[in-house]
Amino acid sequence: MIEIDSEKEMLWLPCPKCGARTKIRIYEDTVLLNFPLYCTKCKKETKLGVIKFKIVVSDEPDA
């Protein structure tokens, strides 16, 4: 579940695999490209991009 704090315009980045909240916080002006997000709950790493709260999961295989 995506949690957005309207007062500060921030959200806790959810894991795209299991949906658990990760320890990464993003703001409206945060830009991440090919960010390796590791989830401590499901023990998976996912490359993703974030621009203005829009989260895009990369389909590229790890080299």
Protein backbone atom coordinates (compact mmCIF):
# COMPACT_ATOMS: atom_id res chain seq x y z
CA MET A 1 0.00 0.00 0.00
CA ILE A 2 1.31 3.45 -0.90
CA GLU A 3 1.22 5.90 1.98
CA ILE A 4 1.34 9.60 1.08
CA ASP A 5 1.75 12.26 3.76
CA SER A 6 -0.14 15.24 2.30
CA GLU A 7 1.46 17.76 4.67
CA LYS A 8 5.05 16.98 3.64
CA GLU A 9 4.32 15.46 0.22
CA MET A 10 6.38 12.34 0.85
CA LEU A 11 5.78 8.61 0.62
CA TRP A 12 7.42 5.42 1.82
CA LEU A 13 8.53 3.46 -1.23
CA PRO A 14 6.74 0.08 -1.35
CA CYS A 15 8.37 -3.12 -2.58
CA PRO A 16 7.05 -3.84 -6.09
CA LYS A 17 7.24 -7.62 -5.44
CA CYS A 18 5.45 -8.04 -2.07
CA GLY A 19 4.02 -4.56 -1.39
CA ALA A 20 5.75 -4.17 1.97
CA ARG A 21 6.91 -0.72 3.04
CA THR A 22 10.68 -0.31 2.63
CA LYS A 23 13.01 2.02 4.53
CA ILE A 24 13.26 4.41 1.56
CA ARG A 25 11.34 7.69 1.65
CA ILE A 26 10.80 9.75 -1.49
CA TYR A 27 9.51 13.27 -2.02
CA GLU A 28 7.80 14.90 -4.99
CA ASP A 29 11.12 16.21 -6.34
CA THR A 30 12.98 12.88 -5.87
CA VAL A 31 14.43 11.37 -9.06
CA LEU A 32 15.84 7.83 -9.06
CA LEU A 33 17.15 6.07 -12.16
CA ASN A 34 18.08 2.37 -12.10
CA PHE A 35 17.86 2.37 -8.30
CA PRO A 36 18.53 -1.07 -6.74
CA LEU A 37 15.76 -1.39 -4.14
CA TYR A 38 16.26 -4.25 -1.66
CA CYS A 39 13.28 -5.49 0.35
CA THR A 40 14.15 -6.92 3.78
CA LYS A 41 10.83 -8.76 3.95
CA CYS A 42 10.91 -10.78 0.72
CA LYS A 43 14.73 -10.63 0.31
CA LYS A 44 14.50 -9.54 -3.34
CA GLU A 45 16.30 -6.75 -5.16
CA THR A 46 14.51 -4.80 -7.90
CA LYS A 47 15.81 -2.06 -10.18
CA LEU A 48 13.35 0.79 -10.47
CA GLY A 49 12.98 4.42 -11.46
CA VAL A 50 11.03 7.15 -9.70
CA ILE A 51 10.08 10.60 -11.00
CA LYS A 52 7.38 12.69 -9.24
CA PHE A 53 5.95 9.69 -7.32
CA LYS A 54 5.68 7.68 -10.57
CA ILE A 55 7.34 4.29 -9.96
CA VAL A 56 8.57 2.27 -12.95
CA VAL A 57 10.07 -1.22 -12.47
CA SER A 58 12.94 -2.06 -14.83
CA ASP A 59 12.63 -5.31 -16.79
CA GLU A 60 16.36 -5.46 -17.61
CA PRO A 61 18.12 -8.58 -16.34
CA ASP A 62 21.09 -8.06 -14.03
CA ALA A 63 24.45 -8.44 -15.79
